[in-house]
Amino acid sequence: MKGFFRNAKDMIITMDFSTANQYHKTNLKKASSGIFLILSTFPILAILAVIPTYVYTIFSAIFNFSESTKEILSYIFTFAIPQILYPVITLIAALFMISFSGERINNLLKIQDVPATETFLSIGIFLGMGTVGTYISDFITQIIISLGVPIPDLTEYLSTPKTPFQFCLYVISIAVMPAICEELIFRGIICGIFKGYNKTAAIIFSSIAFSFVHSTVQQIPFSFMMGLFLAYLYIKFNSLLPCIILHFINNFISCIFMLLYETISTEAYGVIVNIYDISTLLIGIICSILFIYKVKKEIKSENNHTLLDGKDFGATVVFSVPFILFTAIFLFQTITGILTYYYS
């Protein structure tokens, strides 16, 4: 008789777990559907961001601007404004993702202080990872090129600043706005929504979304690798502050190197790049060792309870129509960019 009651109790527990698991999968499917449907609209939003360029083109044809005025206005309307407008528009669209999740916005978009020591170590690790990620992206790019597939040169799409004013706009467009808006979207909202179900899966899928949205062969592997670390920091510190800081530093360094590339000799530029790569690799290794030593006790004591295991999480998200649509759109955009470059 005692065995009967024990088995009955086990059956009830099993039924409760199964019901709860299905409930969480249903909620995750709703949240992820909203996330990837809205991400799928980003290419359309990119078109909206270049409307100021078309407006300027029309006005410049009507009015006879001086060469100096034309140079300033051209840089503002054909480069700066579209580059600033796109992350802002996508952030506004991403805010609607929250309505599909049932989360409160203040629980996701937290910007609070983090330990200074771990922040500095994170910066060192991120710089080292950036160098490694660049070499990995270059290696993949060279393999693809060797197969006869042309890869667009990303520098062709950037407008090199020629004056201090243009450089300020360049930094705001390339470093400041993406650091703020992209971290709010991919770490704050997407990773923030997913982490309630499974932290590891949240890191992986937010990084997949982050990399695919960049839609270029050079940037996808690099963005995925960096996105993993940024998502880990967001979950560890429960704050977007270190993510924004690291994202800004990475993009600001790119701005500096772009400026150097245009202003100094090729030989001098190559020497600076080599020194930077070696330095950041060494710094990254040292900071990684110190960081792991500092946080290993915290990792053991952390609560890793998850609502869904990785298999259930992955199956729920990957086999949903919105995720498949999102993947297809951005793969198509990446391939289209290659074909356009090839036939242009």
C-alpha atoms as a PDB file:
ATOM      1  CA  MET A   1       0.000   0.000   0.000  1.00  0.00           C
ATOM      2  CA  LYS A   2       2.842   2.309   0.902  1.00  0.00           C
ATOM      3  CA  GLY A   3       4.410   1.634  -2.518  1.00  0.00           C
ATOM      4  CA  PHE A   4       1.140   2.563  -4.228  1.00  0.00           C
ATOM      5  CA  PHE A   5       1.029   5.989  -2.562  1.00  0.00           C
ATOM      6  CA  ARG A   6       4.699   6.582  -3.378  1.00  0.00           C
ATOM      7  CA  ASN A   7       4.060   5.783  -7.051  1.00  0.00           C
ATOM      8  CA  ALA A   8       0.954   7.960  -7.088  1.00  0.00           C
ATOM      9  CA  LYS A   9       2.939  10.834  -5.615  1.00  0.00           C
ATOM     10  CA  ASP A  10       5.675  10.357  -8.235  1.00  0.00           C
ATOM     11  CA  MET A  11       3.027  10.416 -10.975  1.00  0.00           C
ATOM     12  CA  ILE A  12       1.614  13.707  -9.666  1.00  0.00           C
ATOM     13  CA  ILE A  13       5.090  15.267  -9.501  1.00  0.00           C
ATOM     14  CA  THR A  14       5.832  14.070 -13.048  1.00  0.00           C
ATOM     15  CA  MET A  15       2.531  15.493 -14.313  1.00  0.00           C
ATOM     16  CA  ASP A  16       3.187  18.831 -12.591  1.00  0.00           C
ATOM     17  CA  PHE A  17       6.687  19.013 -14.107  1.00  0.00           C
ATOM     18  CA  SER A  18       5.369  18.156 -17.562  1.00  0.00           C
ATOM     19  CA  THR A  19       2.639  20.797 -17.313  1.00  0.00           C
ATOM     20  CA  ALA A  20       5.096  23.441 -16.089  1.00  0.00           C
ATOM     21  CA  ASN A  21       7.582  22.523 -18.843  1.00  0.00           C
ATOM     22  CA  GLN A  22       4.915  22.909 -21.513  1.00  0.00           C
ATOM     23  CA  TYR A  23       3.833  26.223 -19.980  1.00  0.00           C
ATOM     24  CA  HIS A  24       7.382  27.581 -20.125  1.00  0.00           C
ATOM     25  CA  LYS A  25       7.871  26.368 -23.699  1.00  0.00           C
ATOM     26  CA  THR A  26       4.643  28.092 -24.733  1.00  0.00           C
ATOM     27  CA  ASN A  27       5.790  31.368 -23.160  1.00  0.00           C
ATOM     28  CA  LEU A  28       9.247  31.052 -24.716  1.00  0.00           C
ATOM     29  CA  LYS A  29       7.741  30.413 -28.149  1.00  0.00           C
ATOM     30  CA  LYS A  30       5.616  33.533 -27.852  1.00  0.00           C
ATOM     31  CA  ALA A  31       8.573  35.643 -26.691  1.00  0.00           C
ATOM     32  CA  SER A  32      11.014  34.316 -29.309  1.00  0.00           C
ATOM     33  CA  SER A  33       8.417  34.694 -32.073  1.00  0.00           C
ATOM     34  CA  GLY A  34       8.050  38.364 -31.224  1.00  0.00           C
ATOM     35  CA  ILE A  35      11.823  38.824 -31.058  1.00  0.00           C
ATOM     36  CA  PHE A  36      12.644  37.230 -34.413  1.00  0.00           C
ATOM     37  CA  LEU A  37       9.653  38.707 -36.229  1.00  0.00           C
ATOM     38  CA  ILE A  38      10.756  42.198 -35.229  1.00  0.00           C
ATOM     39  CA  LEU A  39      14.400  41.417 -36.070  1.00  0.00           C
ATOM     40  CA  SER A  40      13.174  40.368 -39.518  1.00  0.00           C
ATOM     41  CA  THR A  41      11.959  43.933 -40.118  1.00  0.00           C
ATOM     42  CA  PHE A  42      15.427  45.435 -39.619  1.00  0.00           C
ATOM     43  CA  PRO A  43      16.287  45.444 -43.367  1.00  0.00           C
ATOM     44  CA  ILE A  44      13.131  47.500 -43.983  1.00  0.00           C
ATOM     45  CA  LEU A  45      14.084  49.866 -41.178  1.00  0.00           C
ATOM     46  CA  ALA A  46      17.498  50.253 -42.815  1.00  0.00           C
ATOM     47  CA  ILE A  47      15.703  51.647 -45.875  1.00  0.00           C
ATOM     48  CA  LEU A  48      13.908  54.188 -43.678  1.00  0.00           C
ATOM     49  CA  ALA A  49      17.264  55.281 -42.249  1.00  0.00           C
ATOM     50  CA  VAL A  50      18.536  56.372 -45.685  1.00  0.00           C
ATOM     51  CA  ILE A  51      15.518  58.558 -46.493  1.00  0.00           C
ATOM     52  CA  PRO A  52      17.469  61.676 -45.375  1.00  0.00           C
ATOM     53  CA  THR A  53      20.060  60.810 -48.041  1.00  0.00           C
ATOM     54  CA  TYR A  54      17.415  60.862 -50.779  1.00  0.00           C
ATOM     55  CA  VAL A  55      15.960  64.106 -49.422  1.00  0.00           C
ATOM     56  CA  TYR A  56      19.408  65.709 -49.480  1.00  0.00           C
ATOM     57  CA  THR A  57      19.988  64.492 -53.041  1.00  0.00           C
ATOM     58  CA  ILE A  58      16.784  66.193 -54.181  1.00  0.00           C
ATOM     59  CA  PHE A  59      17.563  69.463 -52.375  1.00  0.00           C
ATOM     60  CA  SER A  60      21.166  69.524 -53.585  1.00  0.00           C
ATOM     61  CA  ALA A  61      19.869  69.273 -57.156  1.00  0.00           C
ATOM     62  CA  ILE A  62      17.479  72.194 -56.585  1.00  0.00           C
ATOM     63  CA  PHE A  63      19.730  74.542 -54.622  1.00  0.00           C
ATOM     64  CA  ASN A  64      23.199  75.580 -55.695  1.00  0.00           C
ATOM     65  CA  PHE A  65      25.305  75.018 -52.559  1.00  0.00           C
ATOM     66  CA  SER A  66      28.928  76.096 -52.368  1.00  0.00           C
ATOM     67  CA  GLU A  67      31.550  73.341 -52.436  1.00  0.00           C
ATOM     68  CA  SER A  68      32.378  73.713 -48.730  1.00  0.00           C
ATOM     69  CA  THR A  69      28.703  73.677 -47.716  1.00  0.00           C
ATOM     70  CA  LYS A  70      28.027  70.756 -50.017  1.00  0.00           C
ATOM     71  CA  GLU A  71      30.877  68.771 -48.444  1.00  0.00           C
ATOM     72  CA  ILE A  72      29.544  69.344 -44.914  1.00  0.00           C
ATOM     73  CA  LEU A  73      25.910  68.632 -45.803  1.00  0.00           C
ATOM     74  CA  SER A  74      26.844  65.581 -47.847  1.00  0.00           C
ATOM     75  CA  TYR A  75      28.741  64.034 -44.936  1.00  0.00           C
ATOM     76  CA  ILE A  76      25.894  64.768 -42.533  1.00  0.00           C
ATOM     77  CA  PHE A  77      22.999  63.545 -44.689  1.00  0.00           C
ATOM     78  CA  THR A  78      24.588  60.691 -46.628  1.00  0.00           C
ATOM     79  CA  PHE A  79      26.615  59.176 -43.804  1.00  0.00           C
ATOM     80  CA  ALA A  80      26.152  60.545 -40.270  1.00  0.00           C
ATOM     81  CA  ILE A  81      22.366  60.806 -40.061  1.00  0.00           C
ATOM     82  CA  PRO A  82      21.633  57.364 -41.628  1.00  0.00           C
ATOM     83  CA  GLN A  83      24.281  55.748 -39.408  1.00  0.00           C
ATOM     84  CA  ILE A  84      22.798  57.380 -36.302  1.00  0.00           C
ATOM     85  CA  LEU A  85      19.173  56.924 -37.335  1.00  0.00           C
ATOM     86  CA  TYR A  86      19.360  53.176 -38.010  1.00  0.00           C
ATOM     87  CA  PRO A  87      20.268  52.045 -34.457  1.00  0.00           C
ATOM     88  CA  VAL A  88      17.702  54.451 -33.001  1.00  0.00           C
ATOM     89  CA  ILE A  89      14.906  53.141 -35.253  1.00  0.00           C
ATOM     90  CA  THR A  90      15.796  49.511 -34.581  1.00  0.00           C
ATOM     91  CA  LEU A  91      15.885  50.166 -30.829  1.00  0.00           C
ATOM     92  CA  ILE A  92      12.384  51.646 -30.951  1.00  0.00           C
ATOM     93  CA  ALA A  93      11.201  48.569 -32.866  1.00  0.00           C
ATOM     94  CA  ALA A  94      12.980  46.259 -30.406  1.00  0.00           C
ATOM     95  CA  LEU A  95      11.102  47.752 -27.473  1.00  0.00           C
ATOM     96  CA  PHE A  96       7.983  46.022 -28.813  1.00  0.00           C
ATOM     97  CA  MET A  97       9.719  42.682 -28.187  1.00  0.00           C
ATOM     98  CA  ILE A  98       9.156  43.234 -24.476  1.00  0.00           C
ATOM     99  CA  SER A  99       5.374  43.126 -24.915  1.00  0.00           C
ATOM    100  CA  PHE A 100       5.640  39.533 -26.194  1.00  0.00           C
ATOM    101  CA  SER A 101       7.643  38.397 -23.174  1.00  0.00           C
ATOM    102  CA  GLY A 102       5.653  39.672 -20.224  1.00  0.00           C
ATOM    103  CA  GLU A 103       8.851  41.135 -18.750  1.00  0.00           C
ATOM    104  CA  ARG A 104       9.098  44.587 -17.239  1.00  0.00           C
ATOM    105  CA  ILE A 105      11.396  46.974 -19.079  1.00  0.00           C
ATOM    106  CA  ASN A 106      13.234  48.017 -15.905  1.00  0.00           C
ATOM    107  CA  ASN A 107      14.151  44.367 -15.249  1.00  0.00           C
ATOM    108  CA  LEU A 108      15.859  44.117 -18.628  1.00  0.00           C
ATOM    109  CA  LEU A 109      17.528  47.453 -19.287  1.00  0.00           C
ATOM    110  CA  LYS A 110      19.560  47.776 -16.103  1.00  0.00           C
ATOM    111  CA  ILE A 111      22.571  50.074 -16.133  1.00  0.00           C
ATOM    112  CA  GLN A 112      24.199  49.817 -12.713  1.00  0.00           C
ATOM    113  CA  ASP A 113      27.717  49.939 -11.324  1.00  0.00           C
ATOM    114  CA  VAL A 114      29.936  46.859 -11.538  1.00  0.00           C
ATOM    115  CA  PRO A 115      33.204  46.067  -9.699  1.00  0.00           C
ATOM    116  CA  ALA A 116      36.028  48.191 -11.145  1.00  0.00           C
ATOM    117  CA  THR A 117      38.590  45.371 -11.076  1.00  0.00           C
ATOM    118  CA  GLU A 118      36.416  42.952 -13.015  1.00  0.00           C
ATOM    119  CA  THR A 119      35.475  45.718 -15.464  1.00  0.00           C
ATOM    120  CA  PHE A 120      39.131  46.456 -16.278  1.00  0.00           C
ATOM    121  CA  LEU A 121      39.889  42.743 -16.608  1.00  0.00           C
ATOM    122  CA  SER A 122      36.886  42.406 -18.935  1.00  0.00           C
ATOM    123  CA  ILE A 123      38.235  45.213 -21.113  1.00  0.00           C
ATOM    124  CA  GLY A 124      41.584  43.422 -21.408  1.00  0.00           C
ATOM    125  CA  ILE A 125      39.880  40.125 -22.277  1.00  0.00           C
ATOM    126  CA  PHE A 126      37.632  41.829 -24.819  1.00  0.00           C
ATOM    127  CA  LEU A 127      40.565  43.507 -26.571  1.00  0.00           C
ATOM    128  CA  GLY A 128      42.358  40.174 -26.824  1.00  0.00           C
ATOM    129  CA  MET A 129      39.216  38.464 -28.088  1.00  0.00           C
ATOM    130  CA  GLY A 130      38.789  41.245 -30.635  1.00  0.00           C
ATOM    131  CA  THR A 131      42.238  40.541 -32.070  1.00  0.00           C
ATOM    132  CA  VAL A 132      41.596  36.788 -32.162  1.00  0.00           C
ATOM    133  CA  GLY A 133      38.151  37.376 -33.680  1.00  0.00           C
ATOM    134  CA  THR A 134      39.639  39.586 -36.390  1.00  0.00           C
ATOM    135  CA  TYR A 135      42.131  36.887 -37.393  1.00  0.00           C
ATOM    136  CA  ILE A 136      39.379  34.250 -37.411  1.00  0.00           C
ATOM    137  CA  SER A 137      37.162  36.453 -39.598  1.00  0.00           C
ATOM    138  CA  ASP A 138      40.084  37.182 -41.952  1.00  0.00           C
ATOM    139  CA  PHE A 139      40.887  33.466 -42.164  1.00  0.00           C
ATOM    140  CA  ILE A 140      37.281  32.569 -43.033  1.00  0.00           C
ATOM    141  CA  THR A 141      37.127  35.432 -45.531  1.00  0.00           C
ATOM    142  CA  GLN A 142      40.303  34.254 -47.280  1.00  0.00           C
ATOM    143  CA  ILE A 143      38.954  30.706 -47.527  1.00  0.00           C
ATOM    144  CA  ILE A 144      35.754  31.978 -49.147  1.00  0.00           C
ATOM    145  CA  ILE A 145      37.717  34.214 -51.543  1.00  0.00           C
ATOM    146  CA  SER A 146      39.967  31.263 -52.484  1.00  0.00           C
ATOM    147  CA  LEU A 147      36.807  29.407 -53.542  1.00  0.00           C
ATOM    148  CA  GLY A 148      36.114  32.147 -56.069  1.00  0.00           C
ATOM    149  CA  VAL A 149      33.460  33.976 -54.053  1.00  0.00           C
ATOM    150  CA  PRO A 150      34.045  37.768 -53.990  1.00  0.00           C
ATOM    151  CA  ILE A 151      33.738  39.427 -50.593  1.00  0.00           C
ATOM    152  CA  PRO A 152      32.783  43.135 -50.444  1.00  0.00           C
ATOM    153  CA  ASP A 153      35.348  45.495 -48.939  1.00  0.00           C
ATOM    154  CA  LEU A 154      33.569  47.043 -45.956  1.00  0.00           C
ATOM    155  CA  THR A 155      35.760  50.151 -46.024  1.00  0.00           C
ATOM    156  CA  GLU A 156      34.077  51.143 -49.293  1.00  0.00           C
ATOM    157  CA  TYR A 157      30.836  51.757 -47.390  1.00  0.00           C
ATOM    158  CA  LEU A 158      32.425  54.028 -44.786  1.00  0.00           C
ATOM    159  CA  SER A 159      32.955  57.733 -45.335  1.00  0.00           C
ATOM    160  CA  THR A 160      36.407  58.606 -44.028  1.00  0.00           C
ATOM    161  CA  PRO A 161      36.368  61.807 -41.944  1.00  0.00           C
ATOM    162  CA  LYS A 162      38.539  64.644 -43.259  1.00  0.00           C
ATOM    163  CA  THR A 163      37.954  67.316 -40.595  1.00  0.00           C
ATOM    164  CA  PRO A 164      37.652  67.313 -36.773  1.00  0.00           C
ATOM    165  CA  PHE A 165      33.924  67.956 -37.128  1.00  0.00           C
ATOM    166  CA  GLN A 166      33.518  64.975 -39.439  1.00  0.00           C
ATOM    167  CA  PHE A 167      35.579  62.809 -37.092  1.00  0.00           C
ATOM    168  CA  CYS A 168      33.277  63.707 -34.174  1.00  0.00           C
ATOM    169  CA  LEU A 169      30.258  62.701 -36.263  1.00  0.00           C
ATOM    170  CA  TYR A 170      32.116  59.545 -37.309  1.00  0.00           C
ATOM    171  CA  VAL A 171      32.728  58.534 -33.682  1.00  0.00           C
ATOM    172  CA  ILE A 172      29.122  59.240 -32.712  1.00  0.00           C
ATOM    173  CA  SER A 173      27.859  57.240 -35.722  1.00  0.00           C
ATOM    174  CA  ILE A 174      30.215  54.254 -35.484  1.00  0.00           C
ATOM    175  CA  ALA A 175      31.086  54.036 -31.782  1.00  0.00           C
ATOM    176  CA  VAL A 176      28.591  55.835 -29.532  1.00  0.00           C
ATOM    177  CA  MET A 177      25.184  55.057 -31.032  1.00  0.00           C
ATOM    178  CA  PRO A 178      25.785  51.360 -31.864  1.00  0.00           C
ATOM    179  CA  ALA A 179      27.320  50.768 -28.423  1.00  0.00           C
ATOM    180  CA  ILE A 180      24.220  52.105 -26.686  1.00  0.00           C
ATOM    181  CA  CYS A 181      21.440  50.938 -28.993  1.00  0.00           C
ATOM    182  CA  GLU A 182      22.802  47.506 -29.940  1.00  0.00           C
ATOM    183  CA  GLU A 183      23.533  46.628 -26.317  1.00  0.00           C
ATOM    184  CA  LEU A 184      20.033  47.672 -25.298  1.00  0.00           C
ATOM    185  CA  ILE A 185      18.604  45.480 -28.076  1.00  0.00           C
ATOM    186  CA  PHE A 186      20.756  42.341 -28.077  1.00  0.00           C
ATOM    187  CA  ARG A 187      21.926  42.097 -24.494  1.00  0.00           C
ATOM    188  CA  GLY A 188      19.273  44.035 -22.583  1.00  0.00           C
ATOM    189  CA  ILE A 189      16.121  42.975 -24.390  1.00  0.00           C
ATOM    190  CA  ILE A 190      16.905  39.721 -26.237  1.00  0.00           C
ATOM    191  CA  CYS A 191      19.379  38.148 -23.812  1.00  0.00           C
ATOM    192  CA  GLY A 192      17.399  39.608 -20.917  1.00  0.00           C
ATOM    193  CA  ILE A 193      14.188  37.902 -22.059  1.00  0.00           C
ATOM    194  CA  PHE A 194      15.855  34.574 -22.845  1.00  0.00           C
ATOM    195  CA  LYS A 195      17.953  34.322 -19.667  1.00  0.00           C
ATOM    196  CA  GLY A 196      14.872  33.633 -17.561  1.00  0.00           C
ATOM    197  CA  TYR A 197      14.465  30.330 -19.381  1.00  0.00           C
ATOM    198  CA  ASN A 198      18.076  29.223 -19.795  1.00  0.00           C
ATOM    199  CA  LYS A 199      21.138  31.422 -19.262  1.00  0.00           C
ATOM    200  CA  THR A 200      23.479  29.484 -21.532  1.00  0.00           C
ATOM    201  CA  ALA A 201      20.928  29.396 -24.351  1.00  0.00           C
ATOM    202  CA  ALA A 202      20.296  33.118 -23.835  1.00  0.00           C
ATOM    203  CA  ILE A 203      23.994  33.842 -24.400  1.00  0.00           C
ATOM    204  CA  ILE A 204      24.123  31.701 -27.546  1.00  0.00           C
ATOM    205  CA  PHE A 205      20.881  32.816 -29.219  1.00  0.00           C
ATOM    206  CA  SER A 206      21.341  36.521 -28.477  1.00  0.00           C
ATOM    207  CA  SER A 207      24.815  36.217 -30.050  1.00  0.00           C
ATOM    208  CA  ILE A 208      23.379  34.452 -33.108  1.00  0.00           C
ATOM    209  CA  ALA A 209      20.886  37.293 -33.545  1.00  0.00           C
ATOM    210  CA  PHE A 210      23.631  39.890 -33.015  1.00  0.00           C
ATOM    211  CA  SER A 211      25.936  38.325 -35.613  1.00  0.00           C
ATOM    212  CA  PHE A 212      23.304  37.622 -38.288  1.00  0.00           C
ATOM    213  CA  VAL A 213      22.005  41.181 -38.196  1.00  0.00           C
ATOM    214  CA  HIS A 214      25.456  42.423 -39.277  1.00  0.00           C
ATOM    215  CA  SER A 215      24.922  40.515 -42.558  1.00  0.00           C
ATOM    216  CA  THR A 216      28.517  40.444 -43.816  1.00  0.00           C
ATOM    217  CA  VAL A 217      30.926  37.534 -44.047  1.00  0.00           C
ATOM    218  CA  GLN A 218      33.629  39.509 -42.226  1.00  0.00           C
ATOM    219  CA  GLN A 219      31.414  40.596 -39.347  1.00  0.00           C
ATOM    220  CA  ILE A 220      29.274  37.514 -38.637  1.00  0.00           C
ATOM    221  CA  PRO A 221      31.976  35.307 -36.997  1.00  0.00           C
ATOM    222  CA  PHE A 222      33.545  38.297 -35.226  1.00  0.00           C
ATOM    223  CA  SER A 223      30.204  39.582 -33.914  1.00  0.00           C
ATOM    224  CA  PHE A 224      29.161  36.123 -32.728  1.00  0.00           C
ATOM    225  CA  MET A 225      32.380  35.642 -30.775  1.00  0.00           C
ATOM    226  CA  MET A 226      32.234  39.089 -29.162  1.00  0.00           C
ATOM    227  CA  GLY A 227      28.507  38.747 -28.541  1.00  0.00           C
ATOM    228  CA  LEU A 228      29.092  35.625 -26.440  1.00  0.00           C
ATOM    229  CA  PHE A 229      31.363  37.490 -24.048  1.00  0.00           C
ATOM    230  CA  LEU A 230      29.143  40.575 -23.870  1.00  0.00           C
ATOM    231  CA  ALA A 231      26.086  38.428 -23.098  1.00  0.00           C
ATOM    232  CA  TYR A 232      28.044  36.572 -20.414  1.00  0.00           C
ATOM    233  CA  LEU A 233      28.996  39.883 -18.774  1.00  0.00           C
ATOM    234  CA  TYR A 234      25.405  41.106 -18.929  1.00  0.00           C
ATOM    235  CA  ILE A 235      24.139  37.997 -17.165  1.00  0.00           C
ATOM    236  CA  LYS A 236      26.986  37.909 -14.647  1.00  0.00           C
ATOM    237  CA  PHE A 237      26.716  41.557 -13.566  1.00  0.00           C
ATOM    238  CA  ASN A 238      23.006  42.011 -14.362  1.00  0.00           C
ATOM    239  CA  SER A 239      23.986  45.322 -15.927  1.00  0.00           C
ATOM    240  CA  LEU A 240      24.401  46.736 -19.423  1.00  0.00           C
ATOM    241  CA  LEU A 241      27.114  49.171 -18.322  1.00  0.00           C
ATOM    242  CA  PRO A 242      30.161  46.925 -18.984  1.00  0.00           C
ATOM    243  CA  CYS A 243      28.638  45.804 -22.296  1.00  0.00           C
ATOM    244  CA  ILE A 244      28.173  49.382 -23.492  1.00  0.00           C
ATOM    245  CA  ILE A 245      31.683  50.350 -22.372  1.00  0.00           C
ATOM    246  CA  LEU A 246      33.332  47.402 -24.135  1.00  0.00           C
ATOM    247  CA  HIS A 247      31.263  47.838 -27.301  1.00  0.00           C
ATOM    248  CA  PHE A 248      32.192  51.524 -27.434  1.00  0.00           C
ATOM    249  CA  ILE A 249      35.900  50.808 -26.903  1.00  0.00           C
ATOM    250  CA  ASN A 250      35.922  48.217 -29.697  1.00  0.00           C
ATOM    251  CA  ASN A 251      34.201  50.523 -32.184  1.00  0.00           C
ATOM    252  CA  PHE A 252      36.225  53.586 -31.139  1.00  0.00           C
ATOM    253  CA  ILE A 253      39.469  51.684 -31.766  1.00  0.00           C
ATOM    254  CA  SER A 254      38.114  50.842 -35.229  1.00  0.00           C
ATOM    255  CA  CYS A 255      37.551  54.572 -35.800  1.00  0.00           C
ATOM    256  CA  ILE A 256      41.133  55.334 -34.816  1.00  0.00           C
ATOM    257  CA  PHE A 257      42.535  52.642 -37.100  1.00  0.00           C
ATOM    258  CA  MET A 258      40.401  53.874 -39.985  1.00  0.00           C
ATOM    259  CA  LEU A 259      41.800  57.372 -39.476  1.00  0.00           C
ATOM    260  CA  LEU A 260      45.364  56.049 -39.279  1.00  0.00           C
ATOM    261  CA  TYR A 261      44.862  53.963 -42.422  1.00  0.00           C
ATOM    262  CA  GLU A 262      43.944  57.088 -44.363  1.00  0.00           C
ATOM    263  CA  THR A 263      46.606  59.408 -42.937  1.00  0.00           C
ATOM    264  CA  ILE A 264      49.868  57.434 -42.535  1.00  0.00           C
ATOM    265  CA  SER A 265      51.961  55.257 -44.811  1.00  0.00           C
ATOM    266  CA  THR A 266      51.111  51.595 -45.367  1.00  0.00           C
ATOM    267  CA  GLU A 267      54.374  50.510 -43.724  1.00  0.00           C
ATOM    268  CA  ALA A 268      53.787  52.602 -40.592  1.00  0.00           C
ATOM    269  CA  TYR A 269      50.201  51.387 -40.394  1.00  0.00           C
ATOM    270  CA  GLY A 270      51.325  47.760 -40.609  1.00  0.00           C
ATOM    271  CA  VAL A 271      53.810  48.268 -37.757  1.00  0.00           C
ATOM    272  CA  ILE A 272      51.142  49.858 -35.529  1.00  0.00           C
ATOM    273  CA  VAL A 273      48.694  47.030 -36.269  1.00  0.00           C
ATOM    274  CA  ASN A 274      51.287  44.382 -35.401  1.00  0.00           C
ATOM    275  CA  ILE A 275      52.196  46.109 -32.141  1.00  0.00           C
ATOM    276  CA  TYR A 276      48.518  46.448 -31.250  1.00  0.00           C
ATOM    277  CA  ASP A 277      47.751  42.798 -32.041  1.00  0.00           C
ATOM    278  CA  ILE A 278      50.663  41.430 -29.997  1.00  0.00           C
ATOM    279  CA  SER A 279      49.924  43.756 -27.074  1.00  0.00           C
ATOM    280  CA  THR A 280      46.213  42.966 -26.923  1.00  0.00           C
ATOM    281  CA  LEU A 281      46.842  39.226 -27.194  1.00  0.00           C
ATOM    282  CA  LEU A 282      49.235  39.337 -24.228  1.00  0.00           C
ATOM    283  CA  ILE A 283      46.915  41.601 -22.239  1.00  0.00           C
ATOM    284  CA  GLY A 284      43.963  39.359 -23.075  1.00  0.00           C
ATOM    285  CA  ILE A 285      45.759  36.223 -21.850  1.00  0.00           C
ATOM    286  CA  ILE A 286      46.863  37.842 -18.589  1.00  0.00           C
ATOM    287  CA  CYS A 287      43.433  39.360 -17.915  1.00  0.00           C
ATOM    288  CA  SER A 288      41.706  36.049 -18.708  1.00  0.00           C
ATOM    289  CA  ILE A 289      43.836  34.209 -16.132  1.00  0.00           C
ATOM    290  CA  LEU A 290      43.183  36.851 -13.468  1.00  0.00           C
ATOM    291  CA  PHE A 291      39.473  37.028 -14.301  1.00  0.00           C
ATOM    292  CA  ILE A 292      39.006  33.253 -14.112  1.00  0.00           C
ATOM    293  CA  TYR A 293      40.912  33.131 -10.810  1.00  0.00           C
ATOM    294  CA  LYS A 294      38.736  35.922  -9.390  1.00  0.00           C
ATOM    295  CA  VAL A 295      35.335  34.592 -10.439  1.00  0.00           C
ATOM    296  CA  LYS A 296      35.799  30.801 -10.168  1.00  0.00           C
ATOM    297  CA  LYS A 297      34.438  30.741  -6.613  1.00  0.00           C
ATOM    298  CA  GLU A 298      31.466  32.875  -7.652  1.00  0.00           C
ATOM    299  CA  ILE A 299      30.665  30.485 -10.527  1.00  0.00           C
ATOM    300  CA  LYS A 300      30.477  27.535  -8.131  1.00  0.00           C
ATOM    301  CA  SER A 301      28.088  29.363  -5.826  1.00  0.00           C
ATOM    302  CA  GLU A 302      25.855  30.806  -8.561  1.00  0.00           C
ATOM    303  CA  ASN A 303      22.308  29.532  -8.906  1.00  0.00           C
ATOM    304  CA  ASN A 304      22.155  27.873 -12.328  1.00  0.00           C
ATOM    305  CA  HIS A 305      18.505  26.831 -12.076  1.00  0.00           C
ATOM    306  CA  THR A 306      16.784  27.035 -15.453  1.00  0.00           C
ATOM    307  CA  LEU A 307      13.140  26.778 -16.453  1.00  0.00           C
ATOM    308  CA  LEU A 308      14.013  24.838 -19.611  1.00  0.00           C
ATOM    309  CA  ASP A 309      16.978  22.667 -20.517  1.00  0.00           C
ATOM    310  CA  GLY A 310      19.076  23.520 -23.561  1.00  0.00           C
ATOM    311  CA  LYS A 311      17.428  20.899 -25.759  1.00  0.00           C
ATOM    312  CA  ASP A 312      13.892  22.159 -25.101  1.00  0.00           C
ATOM    313  CA  PHE A 313      14.976  25.768 -25.463  1.00  0.00           C
ATOM    314  CA  GLY A 314      16.761  25.148 -28.765  1.00  0.00           C
ATOM    315  CA  ALA A 315      13.944  23.085 -30.246  1.00  0.00           C
ATOM    316  CA  THR A 316      11.336  25.679 -29.262  1.00  0.00           C
ATOM    317  CA  VAL A 317      13.236  28.563 -30.845  1.00  0.00           C
ATOM    318  CA  VAL A 318      15.007  27.004 -33.851  1.00  0.00           C
ATOM    319  CA  PHE A 319      11.991  25.174 -35.259  1.00  0.00           C
ATOM    320  CA  SER A 320       9.706  28.183 -35.034  1.00  0.00           C
ATOM    321  CA  VAL A 321       8.633  29.960 -38.220  1.00  0.00           C
ATOM    322  CA  PRO A 322       9.854  33.422 -37.068  1.00  0.00           C
ATOM    323  CA  PHE A 323      13.393  32.130 -36.407  1.00  0.00           C
ATOM    324  CA  ILE A 324      13.501  30.376 -39.786  1.00  0.00           C
ATOM    325  CA  LEU A 325      12.208  33.558 -41.455  1.00  0.00           C
ATOM    326  CA  PHE A 326      14.802  35.673 -39.644  1.00  0.00           C
ATOM    327  CA  THR A 327      17.630  33.323 -40.666  1.00  0.00           C
ATOM    328  CA  ALA A 328      16.482  33.211 -44.289  1.00  0.00           C
ATOM    329  CA  ILE A 329      16.182  37.011 -44.555  1.00  0.00           C
ATOM    330  CA  PHE A 330      19.643  37.762 -43.222  1.00  0.00           C
ATOM    331  CA  LEU A 331      21.337  34.950 -45.137  1.00  0.00           C
ATOM    332  CA  PHE A 332      19.643  36.306 -48.254  1.00  0.00           C
ATOM    333  CA  GLN A 333      20.861  39.810 -47.389  1.00  0.00           C
ATOM    334  CA  THR A 334      24.420  38.545 -46.905  1.00  0.00           C
ATOM    335  CA  ILE A 335      24.397  36.631 -50.197  1.00  0.00           C
ATOM    336  CA  THR A 336      22.790  39.561 -52.016  1.00  0.00           C
ATOM    337  CA  GLY A 337      25.575  41.834 -50.782  1.00  0.00           C
ATOM    338  CA  ILE A 338      28.166  39.454 -52.251  1.00  0.00           C
ATOM    339  CA  LEU A 339      26.354  39.191 -55.598  1.00  0.00           C
ATOM    340  CA  THR A 340      25.844  42.951 -55.822  1.00  0.00           C
ATOM    341  CA  TYR A 341      29.535  43.496 -55.212  1.00  0.00           C
ATOM    342  CA  TYR A 342      30.447  40.857 -57.804  1.00  0.00           C
ATOM    343  CA  TYR A 343      28.277  42.241 -60.601  1.00  0.00           C
ATOM    344  CA  SER A 344      28.820  45.940 -59.878  1.00  0.00           C
END
